[in-house]
Protein backbone atom coordinates (compact mmCIF):
# COMPACT_ATOMS: atom_id res chain seq x y z
CA MET A 1 -25.78 280.58 226.85
CA ALA A 2 -27.04 279.14 230.01
CA ARG A 3 -29.17 276.71 228.02
CA ALA A 4 -26.17 275.65 225.93
CA ARG A 5 -24.13 275.11 229.04
CA ARG A 6 -26.81 272.86 230.45
CA ARG A 7 -26.87 270.73 227.29
CA GLY A 8 -23.08 270.33 227.49
CA GLU A 9 -23.30 269.33 231.09
CA ASN A 10 -25.98 266.66 230.31
CA GLY A 11 -23.79 265.14 227.50
CA LEU A 12 -20.87 264.79 229.85
CA ASP A 13 -23.07 263.15 232.40
CA ALA A 14 -24.12 260.35 229.86
CA TRP A 15 -20.63 259.44 228.78
CA PRO A 16 -19.73 257.26 231.81
CA GLY A 17 -22.82 255.13 231.16
CA TYR A 18 -21.69 254.43 227.62
CA VAL A 19 -18.27 253.52 228.87
CA ASP A 20 -19.70 251.09 231.43
CA ALA A 21 -21.90 249.45 228.79
CA LEU A 22 -19.00 249.04 226.38
CA SER A 23 -16.80 247.61 229.14
CA THR A 24 -19.47 245.12 230.09
CA LEU A 25 -19.95 244.12 226.44
CA LEU A 26 -16.19 243.72 226.01
CA MET A 27 -15.97 241.50 229.10
CA VAL A 28 -18.82 239.34 227.81
CA ILE A 29 -17.12 238.97 224.43
CA ILE A 30 -13.81 238.09 226.09
CA PHE A 31 -15.57 235.52 228.28
CA VAL A 32 -17.32 233.95 225.29
CA LEU A 33 -14.03 233.82 223.39
CA LEU A 34 -12.34 232.21 226.39
CA VAL A 35 -15.09 229.60 226.68
CA PHE A 36 -14.83 228.92 222.93
CA VAL A 37 -11.03 228.54 223.12
CA LEU A 38 -11.28 226.16 226.10
CA THR A 39 -14.01 224.17 224.38
CA GLN A 40 -11.93 224.02 221.21
CA ALA A 41 -8.89 222.79 223.16
CA PHE A 42 -10.96 220.18 225.00
CA LEU A 43 -12.54 218.91 221.77
CA THR A 44 -9.12 218.82 220.10
CA ALA A 45 -7.70 216.71 222.94
CA THR A 46 -10.78 214.44 222.84
CA LEU A 47 -10.44 213.94 219.07
CA ALA A 48 -6.72 213.21 219.46
CA GLY A 49 -7.55 210.54 222.06
CA ARG A 50 -10.20 209.10 219.76
CA ASN A 51 -7.71 209.00 216.90
CA ASP A 52 -5.17 207.20 219.09
CA THR A 53 -7.84 204.71 220.12
CA LEU A 54 -8.84 204.20 216.48
CA ALA A 55 -5.18 203.63 215.61
CA LYS A 56 -4.94 201.01 218.35
CA VAL A 57 -8.13 199.35 217.12
CA SER A 58 -6.73 199.31 213.57
CA ALA A 59 -3.53 197.75 214.87
CA GLU A 60 -5.51 195.11 216.76
CA LEU A 61 -7.56 194.43 213.63
CA GLN A 62 -4.30 194.00 211.71
CA GLN A 63 -3.06 191.55 214.34
CA LEU A 64 -6.37 189.72 214.10
CA SER A 65 -5.96 189.58 210.33
CA ASN A 66 -2.48 188.13 210.78
CA ALA A 67 -3.85 185.59 213.27
CA LEU A 68 -6.55 184.60 210.79
CA SER A 69 -3.90 184.14 208.10
CA LEU A 70 -1.90 181.93 210.47
CA GLU A 71 -5.04 179.97 211.31
CA LYS A 72 -5.68 179.53 207.60
CA SER A 73 -2.18 178.07 207.19
CA GLN A 74 -2.75 175.77 210.15
CA ASN A 75 -6.05 174.63 208.64
CA ALA A 76 -4.22 173.83 205.42
CA ASP A 77 -1.86 171.65 207.46
CA LEU A 78 -4.92 170.08 209.08
CA GLN A 79 -6.35 169.28 205.66
CA LEU A 80 -3.06 167.56 204.80
CA SER A 81 -3.33 165.59 208.05
CA VAL A 82 -6.87 164.53 207.14
CA SER A 83 -5.63 163.52 203.69
CA ARG A 84 -2.84 161.48 205.30
CA LEU A 85 -5.41 159.95 207.59
CA GLY A 86 -7.43 158.88 204.58
CA ARG A 87 -4.36 157.30 203.00
CA ASP A 88 -3.52 155.56 206.28
CA LEU A 89 -7.09 154.33 206.48
CA ASN A 90 -6.88 152.93 202.96
CA ALA A 91 -3.57 151.28 203.80
CA ALA A 92 -5.09 149.84 206.97
CA VAL A 93 -8.06 148.49 205.00
CA ALA A 94 -5.71 146.92 202.47
CA ALA A 95 -3.58 145.39 205.24
CA ARG A 96 -6.65 144.09 207.01
CA ASP A 97 -8.00 142.58 203.78
CA ALA A 98 -4.61 140.96 203.21
CA LEU A 99 -4.65 139.50 206.73
CA SER A 100 -8.23 138.34 206.21
CA GLY A 101 -7.17 136.70 202.95
CA GLN A 102 -4.33 134.93 204.72
CA VAL A 103 -6.70 133.71 207.43
CA ALA A 104 -9.16 132.51 204.77
CA THR A 105 -6.33 130.69 202.97
CA LEU A 106 -5.22 129.06 206.19
CA LYS A 107 -8.83 128.07 206.86
CA GLN A 108 -9.20 126.45 203.42
CA THR A 109 -5.98 124.49 203.66
CA GLY A 110 -6.71 123.37 207.23
CA GLN A 111 -3.02 123.60 208.19
CA ALA A 112 -3.04 126.82 210.28
CA ASP A 113 -2.12 126.50 213.93
CA GLN A 114 -3.20 128.56 216.89
CA ALA A 115 0.06 130.53 217.05
CA THR A 116 -0.36 131.76 213.44
CA ILE A 117 -3.96 132.83 214.09
CA ALA A 118 -2.89 134.63 217.26
CA ALA A 119 -0.12 136.47 215.35
CA ARG A 120 -2.52 137.54 212.59
CA THR A 121 -5.07 138.66 215.20
CA ALA A 122 -2.38 140.67 217.04
CA ASP A 123 -1.30 142.35 213.78
CA LEU A 124 -4.90 143.29 213.04
CA ALA A 125 -5.40 144.60 216.60
CA ARG A 126 -2.20 146.69 216.41
CA LEU A 127 -3.28 148.11 213.05
CA GLN A 128 -6.72 148.99 214.43
CA ALA A 129 -5.17 150.58 217.55
CA GLU A 130 -2.80 152.74 215.47
CA LEU A 131 -5.69 153.87 213.26
CA ASP A 132 -7.85 154.73 216.31
CA LYS A 133 -4.93 156.65 217.84
CA THR A 134 -4.37 158.66 214.62
CA VAL A 135 -8.10 159.49 214.29
CA THR A 136 -8.27 160.53 217.98
CA ALA A 137 -5.26 162.83 217.59
CA ASP A 138 -6.67 164.44 214.42
CA LYS A 139 -10.05 164.87 216.10
CA ALA A 140 -8.43 166.67 219.02
CA THR A 141 -6.52 168.91 216.58
CA ILE A 142 -9.72 169.80 214.70
CA GLN A 143 -11.53 170.60 217.94
CA ALA A 144 -8.64 172.82 219.04
CA ARG A 145 -8.73 174.65 215.68
CA LEU A 146 -12.50 175.15 216.02
CA ALA A 147 -12.02 176.59 219.52
CA ASP A 148 -9.34 178.98 218.22
CA ILE A 149 -11.62 180.09 215.38
CA ALA A 150 -14.50 180.70 217.80
CA LYS A 151 -12.17 182.78 220.00
CA LEU A 152 -11.01 184.82 216.98
CA GLU A 153 -14.60 185.40 215.91
CA SER A 154 -15.47 186.61 219.43
CA GLN A 155 -12.48 188.97 219.45
CA THR A 156 -13.42 190.29 216.01
CA GLN A 157 -16.96 191.02 217.15
CA ALA A 158 -15.70 192.79 220.30
CA LEU A 159 -13.25 194.91 218.29
CA THR A 160 -15.92 195.72 215.72
CA ALA A 161 -18.29 196.87 218.48
CA LEU A 162 -15.52 199.00 220.02
CA ARG A 163 -14.72 200.49 216.64
CA ASP A 164 -18.37 201.38 216.06
CA GLU A 165 -18.59 203.02 219.49
CA LEU A 166 -15.43 205.04 218.85
CA GLU A 167 -16.78 206.10 215.50
CA LYS A 168 -19.92 207.38 217.15
CA GLN A 169 -17.95 209.28 219.79
CA ALA A 170 -15.63 210.74 217.14
CA GLN A 171 -18.60 211.81 215.07
CA ASN A 172 -20.24 213.52 218.06
CA ALA A 173 -17.01 215.32 218.99
CA ALA A 174 -16.30 216.41 215.42
CA ALA A 175 -19.81 217.82 215.05
CA ALA A 176 -19.02 220.61 217.56
CA THR A 177 -15.87 221.86 215.81
CA ILE A 178 -16.13 221.28 212.08
CA THR A 179 -18.78 221.97 209.50
CA GLU A 180 -21.35 219.45 208.40
CA GLN A 181 -19.69 219.00 205.04
CA ASP A 182 -16.21 218.43 206.51
CA ARG A 183 -17.67 216.06 209.11
CA ARG A 184 -19.39 214.02 206.45
CA ALA A 185 -16.26 213.86 204.32
CA ALA A 186 -14.14 212.77 207.29
CA VAL A 187 -16.69 210.19 208.37
CA ARG A 188 -16.97 208.82 204.82
CA ALA A 189 -13.20 208.51 204.53
CA GLN A 190 -12.90 206.86 207.92
CA LEU A 191 -15.83 204.53 207.26
CA LYS A 192 -14.33 203.65 203.89
CA ASP A 193 -11.04 202.67 205.53
CA GLU A 194 -12.78 200.77 208.31
CA LYS A 195 -15.13 199.09 205.84
CA ARG A 196 -12.17 198.01 203.76
CA LEU A 197 -10.53 196.50 206.84
CA GLY A 198 -13.82 195.00 208.03
CA ASP A 199 -14.62 193.49 204.63
CA SER A 200 -11.15 191.94 204.44
CA ALA A 201 -11.50 190.48 207.94
CA ARG A 202 -15.02 189.21 207.24
CA ALA A 203 -13.89 187.68 203.96
CA GLN A 204 -11.06 185.87 205.74
CA ILE A 205 -13.43 184.70 208.48
CA ALA A 206 -15.95 183.49 205.87
CA LEU A 207 -13.20 181.61 204.01
CA LEU A 208 -11.98 180.13 207.27
CA ASN A 209 -15.53 179.08 208.16
CA ARG A 210 -15.92 177.36 204.80
CA GLN A 211 -12.63 175.53 205.31
CA VAL A 212 -13.69 174.47 208.78
CA GLU A 213 -17.01 173.23 207.44
CA GLU A 214 -15.17 171.22 204.78
CA LEU A 215 -12.94 169.77 207.48
CA ARG A 216 -16.01 168.83 209.50
CA VAL A 217 -17.48 167.06 206.48
CA GLN A 218 -14.18 165.24 205.86
CA PHE A 219 -13.92 164.31 209.51
CA ALA A 220 -17.49 162.98 209.50
CA SER A 221 -16.62 160.91 206.41
CA VAL A 222 -13.55 159.53 208.14
CA GLN A 223 -15.59 158.68 211.23
CA LEU A 224 -18.21 156.96 209.06
CA ALA A 225 -15.54 154.99 207.22
CA LEU A 226 -13.89 154.10 210.50
CA GLY A 227 -17.22 152.90 211.90
CA ILE A 228 -17.78 150.70 208.84
CA GLU A 229 -14.27 149.31 209.09
CA THR A 230 -14.75 148.71 212.82
CA GLN A 231 -17.90 146.71 212.11
CA LYS A 232 -16.07 144.72 209.45
CA SER A 233 -13.17 144.19 211.84
CA ARG A 234 -15.55 142.91 214.50
CA ALA A 235 -17.07 140.53 211.99
CA LYS A 236 -13.58 139.32 211.07
CA ASP A 237 -12.75 138.94 214.76
CA ILE A 238 -15.82 136.77 215.21
CA GLU A 239 -14.82 134.75 212.17
CA ILE A 240 -11.26 134.40 213.51
CA ASP A 241 -12.59 133.34 216.93
CA ASN A 242 -14.77 130.71 215.28
CA LEU A 243 -11.83 129.54 213.21
CA GLY A 244 -9.67 129.45 216.35
CA GLN A 245 -12.27 127.32 218.13
CA LYS A 246 -12.39 124.94 215.18
CA LEU A 247 -8.60 124.78 215.12
CA ASN A 248 -8.51 124.12 218.85
CA ILE A 249 -10.98 121.30 218.38
CA ALA A 250 -8.92 119.92 215.50
CA LEU A 251 -5.71 120.22 217.51
CA ALA A 252 -7.35 118.52 220.47
CA GLU A 253 -8.43 115.69 218.19
CA LYS A 254 -4.89 115.41 216.81
CA VAL A 255 -3.44 115.44 220.32
CA GLU A 256 -5.86 112.74 221.38
CA GLU A 257 -5.00 110.72 218.30
CA LEU A 258 -1.28 111.13 219.03
CA ARG A 259 -1.94 110.10 222.63
CA GLN A 260 -3.47 106.87 221.38
CA TYR A 261 -0.41 106.11 219.25
CA ARG A 262 1.85 107.12 222.14
CA SER A 263 0.01 104.63 224.35
CA GLU A 264 0.50 101.94 221.74
CA PHE A 265 4.18 102.89 221.39
CA PHE A 266 4.76 102.77 225.12
CA GLY A 267 2.87 99.54 225.43
CA LYS A 268 5.05 97.82 222.85
CA LEU A 269 8.24 99.24 224.31
CA ARG A 270 7.24 98.10 227.80
CA ILE A 271 6.83 94.59 226.46
CA LEU A 272 10.11 94.83 224.57
CA LEU A 273 12.12 96.26 227.48
CA ALA A 274 10.44 94.38 230.32
CA ASP A 275 12.75 93.31 233.12
CA LYS A 276 15.75 95.03 231.47
CA PRO A 277 18.08 96.52 234.12
CA GLY A 278 18.85 100.26 233.95
CA ILE A 279 15.63 101.15 232.06
CA GLN A 280 12.66 103.00 233.60
CA VAL A 281 9.30 104.28 232.35
CA ILE A 282 8.59 107.67 233.94
CA GLY A 283 5.47 109.48 232.76
CA ASP A 284 5.69 109.89 228.99
CA ARG A 285 9.36 108.96 228.59
CA PHE A 286 11.67 105.94 228.62
CA VAL A 287 14.84 106.50 230.69
CA PHE A 288 18.01 104.52 229.86
CA GLN A 289 20.95 104.77 232.21
CA SER A 290 24.01 105.76 230.19
CA GLU A 291 26.02 102.75 231.46
CA VAL A 292 23.49 100.51 229.69
CA LEU A 293 24.27 102.13 226.31
CA PHE A 294 27.66 103.87 226.50
CA PRO A 295 31.03 103.42 228.17
CA LEU A 296 31.87 106.03 230.80
CA GLY A 297 32.81 109.36 229.21
CA LYS A 298 32.26 107.98 225.64
CA ALA A 299 29.64 108.57 222.94
CA ASP A 300 29.99 105.18 221.16
CA LEU A 301 27.21 102.62 221.76
CA THR A 302 28.14 99.35 223.40
CA PRO A 303 27.08 96.11 221.64
CA ALA A 304 24.25 95.72 224.18
CA GLY A 305 23.18 99.29 223.53
CA VAL A 306 23.19 98.72 219.77
CA SER A 307 20.97 95.64 220.09
CA GLN A 308 18.49 97.51 222.27
CA MET A 309 18.31 100.46 219.86
CA ILE A 310 17.81 98.10 216.90
CA ALA A 311 14.83 96.52 218.66
CA ILE A 312 13.44 99.97 219.49
CA ALA A 313 13.91 101.04 215.84
CA ALA A 314 11.81 98.06 214.68
CA THR A 315 9.05 98.98 217.12
CA ILE A 316 9.11 102.64 216.00
CA LYS A 317 8.88 101.59 212.34
CA ASP A 318 5.83 99.44 213.09
CA ILE A 319 4.11 102.29 214.93
CA ALA A 320 5.09 104.89 212.24
CA ALA A 321 3.47 102.81 209.53
CA THR A 322 0.08 103.16 211.25
CA ILE A 323 0.24 106.89 212.08
CA PRO A 324 -1.59 109.10 209.49
CA PRO A 325 0.65 111.42 207.42
CA ASP A 326 -1.13 114.56 208.67
CA LEU A 327 -0.30 113.74 212.30
CA HIS A 328 3.03 115.42 212.98
CA TRP A 329 4.98 113.42 215.57
CA ILE A 330 8.55 113.49 216.82
CA LEU A 331 10.62 110.97 218.77
CA ARG A 332 12.95 113.16 220.82
CA VAL A 333 16.22 111.68 222.09
CA ASP A 334 17.56 113.64 225.09
CA GLY A 335 21.11 113.25 226.39
CA HIS A 336 21.97 114.04 230.07
CA THR A 337 25.14 113.89 232.17
CA ASP A 338 26.07 114.31 235.83
CA PRO A 339 27.61 117.61 237.07
CA GLN A 340 31.13 116.21 237.46
CA PRO A 341 33.62 117.92 235.10
CA LEU A 342 35.25 115.79 232.42
CA ARG A 343 38.93 114.98 232.82
CA GLY A 344 40.64 114.71 229.46
CA GLY A 345 39.04 112.68 226.72
CA THR A 346 37.40 113.73 223.46
CA PHE A 347 34.78 116.17 224.77
CA ALA A 348 35.46 119.55 226.32
CA SER A 349 32.23 119.75 228.33
CA ASN A 350 29.35 117.65 229.59
CA TRP A 351 27.10 119.50 227.18
CA GLU A 352 29.06 118.27 224.17
CA LEU A 353 29.08 114.72 225.58
CA SER A 354 25.28 114.68 226.12
CA ALA A 355 24.61 116.06 222.62
CA ALA A 356 27.01 113.57 220.99
CA ARG A 357 25.31 110.60 222.73
CA ALA A 358 21.85 111.79 221.61
CA ILE A 359 23.12 112.21 218.03
CA THR A 360 24.66 108.69 218.10
CA VAL A 361 21.30 107.16 219.08
CA VAL A 362 19.46 109.15 216.37
CA GLN A 363 21.95 108.12 213.69
CA LEU A 364 21.56 104.44 214.64
CA LEU A 365 17.74 104.69 214.49
CA ILE A 366 17.98 106.32 211.03
CA THR A 367 20.32 103.54 209.91
CA PHE A 368 17.68 100.95 210.81
CA GLY A 369 14.81 102.62 208.98
CA VAL A 370 13.28 105.27 211.26
CA PRO A 371 12.37 108.37 209.15
CA PRO A 372 14.81 111.19 210.01
CA GLU A 373 12.07 113.86 209.79
CA HIS A 374 10.47 112.27 212.85
CA LEU A 375 13.65 112.33 214.99
CA ALA A 376 15.29 115.04 217.10
CA ALA A 377 18.53 114.95 219.15
CA THR A 378 19.00 117.33 222.08
CA GLY A 379 21.74 117.67 224.67
CA PHE A 380 21.03 119.02 228.17
CA GLY A 381 24.41 118.42 229.78
CA GLU A 382 24.22 118.48 233.61
CA PHE A 383 21.50 121.15 233.73
CA GLN A 384 18.49 118.79 234.06
CA PRO A 385 19.48 116.50 236.98
CA PHE A 386 17.41 113.40 237.58
CA SER A 387 17.60 113.63 241.35
CA ALA A 388 19.08 115.94 243.95
CA GLY A 389 22.25 115.07 245.82
CA ASP A 390 25.99 114.68 245.37
CA THR A 391 26.24 110.91 245.84
CA LYS A 392 27.49 108.34 243.37
CA ASP A 393 24.00 106.87 243.09
CA ALA A 394 22.53 110.31 242.26
CA TYR A 395 25.26 110.91 239.66
CA ALA A 396 24.55 107.51 238.06
CA LYS A 397 20.87 108.44 237.70
CA ASP A 398 21.81 111.79 236.16
CA ARG A 399 23.76 110.05 233.36
CA ARG A 400 20.92 108.92 231.11
CA ILE A 401 19.26 108.88 227.67
CA GLU A 402 15.53 109.65 227.47
CA LEU A 403 13.11 108.78 224.64
CA ARG A 404 9.95 110.88 224.38
CA LEU A 405 7.19 110.63 221.71
CA THR A 406 5.61 114.07 221.24
CA ASP A 407 4.06 116.35 218.61
CA ARG A 408 5.99 118.80 216.48
């Protein structure tokens, strides 16, 4: 019995050790479970953040896709602009050829004057300037589109790199919480979605790149055509300059020829009107005091005035018979008055009186055989005074008729 009691006492002594061991094991298990739960919560939060980031990246990729679509539309507009530029270039070439044809026609006929050549040259210069301005504007637009495309490509690459990094982080985080099979399925699904988005974006970028390359080729063609047209335009400018020089020489010859006939005309009139009172030769004009030809305030020639104009008409007819038909000359009859206002009478103003006197002289010259196409009547009123001053002598000099032989 004593032995049995000792065995019972030894069993009771071992029981606290078992209890301590079980308690320790339970605490370890609880600690491991706590660590697992915390790890699970941390991984869940990390995956949620990664999913939010992936959603943001997907949204940014969608915005990029929309931007690429907008850029595609803008490139279509740019292609239309290039097409319009081509049409404008063709129109400019046609207009320039038409102007060149007109210049050639004028050169063949030999009747073009310097003002016509200058007008044609100005039209051609304006046309060239408008074409250069249009090409410069389209070139700037193309360069801006290329810069935008480069920026979009850079953003796409950055977003793609970020997406790849997030995928790696998501894969590493998912590996600690889900099985290999689930991880692979999730990764495949995610990669499939991302690949679909990436393929769509890359396809749009590739299409956009092809369109940009086509635009570059078209722009190079336009620049080449513009260079050719510029060279042709320079050649035409040289030809126009040469033609202008020839015309200047021809005009100078005609002016010199007219000067010779003017000298002959003045010489004969000097002889005819020598020692006649009230008549002066000043420069290239004959000046008749109005009292020699007209009564005061009237536009009807006096008998003395009629006889003088008849003699002048005979001299003009003699000179006109020797002038070549291609030399365009004009005998201009200018009427002038003094600044004193008219009091009553037929004419309401000095201007009407001066014009009527010039017309009377022209009509008389036509009556006695001077060709009307070589005559011109002008009235200056009191606005071209002969001399300064408010004296009677100055007013008498202001009232005059002037004859001037000039070119048309």
